[in-house]
C-alpha atoms as a PDB file:
ATOM      1  CA  MET A   1      69.319 131.371  89.117  1.00  0.00           C
ATOM      2  CA  LYS A   2      66.345 129.934  90.976  1.00  0.00           C
ATOM      3  CA  PRO A   3      66.074 130.711  94.705  1.00  0.00           C
ATOM      4  CA  ALA A   4      66.213 126.994  95.667  1.00  0.00           C
ATOM      5  CA  LYS A   5      69.468 126.490  93.760  1.00  0.00           C
ATOM      6  CA  LEU A   6      70.914 129.650  95.267  1.00  0.00           C
ATOM      7  CA  ILE A   7      70.067 128.468  98.799  1.00  0.00           C
ATOM      8  CA  LEU A   8      71.639 125.068  98.086  1.00  0.00           C
ATOM      9  CA  LEU A   9      74.783 126.725  96.727  1.00  0.00           C
ATOM     10  CA  VAL A  10      75.097 128.983  99.788  1.00  0.00           C
ATOM     11  CA  ALA A  11      74.586 125.980 102.113  1.00  0.00           C
ATOM     12  CA  ILE A  12      77.342 124.018 100.360  1.00  0.00           C
ATOM     13  CA  ILE A  13      79.749 126.956 100.561  1.00  0.00           C
ATOM     14  CA  LEU A  14      79.046 127.360 104.289  1.00  0.00           C
ATOM     15  CA  LEU A  15      79.613 123.664 104.962  1.00  0.00           C
ATOM     16  CA  VAL A  16      82.892 123.601 103.063  1.00  0.00           C
ATOM     17  CA  SER A  17      84.153 126.725 104.826  1.00  0.00           C
ATOM     18  CA  CYS A  18      83.552 125.065 108.222  1.00  0.00           C
ATOM     19  CA  ALA A  19      85.790 122.085 107.407  1.00  0.00           C
ATOM     20  CA  PRO A  20      89.100 121.886 109.287  1.00  0.00           C
ATOM     21  CA  LYS A  21      92.028 123.508 107.528  1.00  0.00           C
ATOM     22  CA  SER A  22      95.066 121.536 106.430  1.00  0.00           C
ATOM     23  CA  GLY A  23      97.137 120.513 109.457  1.00  0.00           C
ATOM     24  CA  GLU A  24      94.339 121.323 111.910  1.00  0.00           C
ATOM     25  CA  ARG A  25      93.308 118.575 114.295  1.00  0.00           C
ATOM     26  CA  ILE A  26      89.754 117.807 115.314  1.00  0.00           C
ATOM     27  CA  ARG A  27      89.383 117.129 119.030  1.00  0.00           C
ATOM     28  CA  GLU A  28      87.823 113.755 119.521  1.00  0.00           C
ATOM     29  CA  SER A  29      86.553 111.330 122.113  1.00  0.00           C
ATOM     30  CA  PRO A  30      89.045 109.021 123.881  1.00  0.00           C
ATOM     31  CA  ALA A  31      87.710 106.008 121.959  1.00  0.00           C
ATOM     32  CA  GLN A  32      88.232 107.772 118.628  1.00  0.00           C
ATOM     33  CA  SER A  33      91.713 108.820 119.690  1.00  0.00           C
ATOM     34  CA  GLU A  34      92.625 105.233 120.582  1.00  0.00           C
ATOM     35  CA  ASN A  35      91.322 103.978 117.223  1.00  0.00           C
ATOM     36  CA  ARG A  36      93.258 106.667 115.374  1.00  0.00           C
ATOM     37  CA  THR A  37      96.450 105.677 117.172  1.00  0.00           C
ATOM     38  CA  ASN A  38      96.055 102.028 116.286  1.00  0.00           C
ATOM     39  CA  GLU A  39      95.076 102.673 112.672  1.00  0.00           C
ATOM     40  CA  LEU A  40      97.409 105.494 111.618  1.00  0.00           C
ATOM     41  CA  LEU A  41     100.648 105.042 113.503  1.00  0.00           C
ATOM     42  CA  ARG A  42     103.325 102.587 112.519  1.00  0.00           C
ATOM     43  CA  PRO A  43     107.085 102.666 112.968  1.00  0.00           C
ATOM     44  CA  GLY A  44     108.971 104.210 110.070  1.00  0.00           C
ATOM     45  CA  LEU A  45     106.593 107.077 109.291  1.00  0.00           C
ATOM     46  CA  PRO A  46     108.336 110.381 108.584  1.00  0.00           C
ATOM     47  CA  MET A  47     107.498 113.427 110.727  1.00  0.00           C
ATOM     48  CA  ASN A  48     105.693 115.238 107.913  1.00  0.00           C
ATOM     49  CA  THR A  49     103.316 112.294 107.380  1.00  0.00           C
ATOM     50  CA  VAL A  50     102.491 112.154 111.093  1.00  0.00           C
ATOM     51  CA  ARG A  51     101.954 115.934 111.156  1.00  0.00           C
ATOM     52  CA  GLU A  52      99.522 115.676 108.229  1.00  0.00           C
ATOM     53  CA  ALA A  53      97.542 112.953 110.018  1.00  0.00           C
ATOM     54  CA  TRP A  54      97.686 114.313 113.573  1.00  0.00           C
ATOM     55  CA  GLY A  55      98.257 118.032 113.122  1.00  0.00           C
ATOM     56  CA  THR A  56     100.815 120.142 114.952  1.00  0.00           C
ATOM     57  CA  PRO A  57     101.797 118.732 118.361  1.00  0.00           C
ATOM     58  CA  ASP A  58     100.898 120.699 121.483  1.00  0.00           C
ATOM     59  CA  LYS A  59     104.486 120.457 122.715  1.00  0.00           C
ATOM     60  CA  VAL A  60     107.844 119.277 121.327  1.00  0.00           C
ATOM     61  CA  GLU A  61     110.752 118.094 123.484  1.00  0.00           C
ATOM     62  CA  GLU A  62     114.214 116.775 122.689  1.00  0.00           C
ATOM     63  CA  ASN A  63     115.548 114.028 124.957  1.00  0.00           C
ATOM     64  CA  CYS A  64     119.200 113.103 124.572  1.00  0.00           C
ATOM     65  CA  TYR A  65     121.086 110.332 126.307  1.00  0.00           C
ATOM     66  CA  ARG A  66     124.709 109.810 125.357  1.00  0.00           C
ATOM     67  CA  ASP A  67     124.821 109.871 121.547  1.00  0.00           C
ATOM     68  CA  GLU A  68     121.114 109.200 120.970  1.00  0.00           C
ATOM     69  CA  CYS A  69     118.491 111.938 120.740  1.00  0.00           C
ATOM     70  CA  LEU A  70     114.766 111.450 120.480  1.00  0.00           C
ATOM     71  CA  ILE A  71     112.303 114.135 119.469  1.00  0.00           C
ATOM     72  CA  VAL A  72     109.086 113.779 121.473  1.00  0.00           C
ATOM     73  CA  TRP A  73     105.818 115.171 120.173  1.00  0.00           C
ATOM     74  CA  ILE A  74     103.199 115.587 122.871  1.00  0.00           C
ATOM     75  CA  TYR A  75      99.495 115.768 122.094  1.00  0.00           C
ATOM     76  CA  LYS A  76      97.302 116.815 124.992  1.00  0.00           C
ATOM     77  CA  GLY A  77      93.996 115.038 125.166  1.00  0.00           C
ATOM     78  CA  SER A  78      91.555 113.490 127.515  1.00  0.00           C
ATOM     79  CA  PRO A  79      91.810 111.299 129.416  1.00  0.00           C
ATOM     80  CA  LYS A  80      95.529 110.957 128.652  1.00  0.00           C
ATOM     81  CA  MET A  81      98.287 112.594 126.677  1.00  0.00           C
ATOM     82  CA  ARG A  82      99.942 110.935 123.683  1.00  0.00           C
ATOM     83  CA  TYR A  83     103.700 110.827 123.229  1.00  0.00           C
ATOM     84  CA  LEU A  84     105.220 110.152 119.811  1.00  0.00           C
ATOM     85  CA  TYR A  85     108.959 109.443 119.620  1.00  0.00           C
ATOM     86  CA  PHE A  86     111.071 110.239 116.550  1.00  0.00           C
ATOM     87  CA  GLU A  87     114.679 109.393 115.808  1.00  0.00           C
ATOM     88  CA  ASP A  88     116.326 111.090 112.804  1.00  0.00           C
ATOM     89  CA  GLY A  89     112.885 112.348 111.684  1.00  0.00           C
ATOM     90  CA  ILE A  90     111.316 108.859 111.706  1.00  0.00           C
ATOM     91  CA  LEU A  91     108.615 107.617 114.104  1.00  0.00           C
ATOM     92  CA  VAL A  92     110.072 104.871 116.285  1.00  0.00           C
ATOM     93  CA  SER A  93     107.437 104.447 119.013  1.00  0.00           C
ATOM     94  CA  TRP A  94     104.501 106.012 120.843  1.00  0.00           C
ATOM     95  CA  GLN A  95     102.486 105.727 124.022  1.00  0.00           C
END
């Protein structure tokens, strides 16, 4: 194998190995985060789909009032945190 091809092959392998792993989030600027929220979230998405798009939440809480329980996924970010609300495993709202 020629040295130039070998160098190119090594460079490609290094670039691919630096890519985020499945389920891993890339920290982003506030503007990118806002765009991602508007583009990717919609009511009715199952938890696993949101996890694939957003990664594992930084914190998970369960809020119950009377007979209704909401699972809250919290993503810490700057300048503000994101809260995603799930009922029966389905995204119902976010802020």
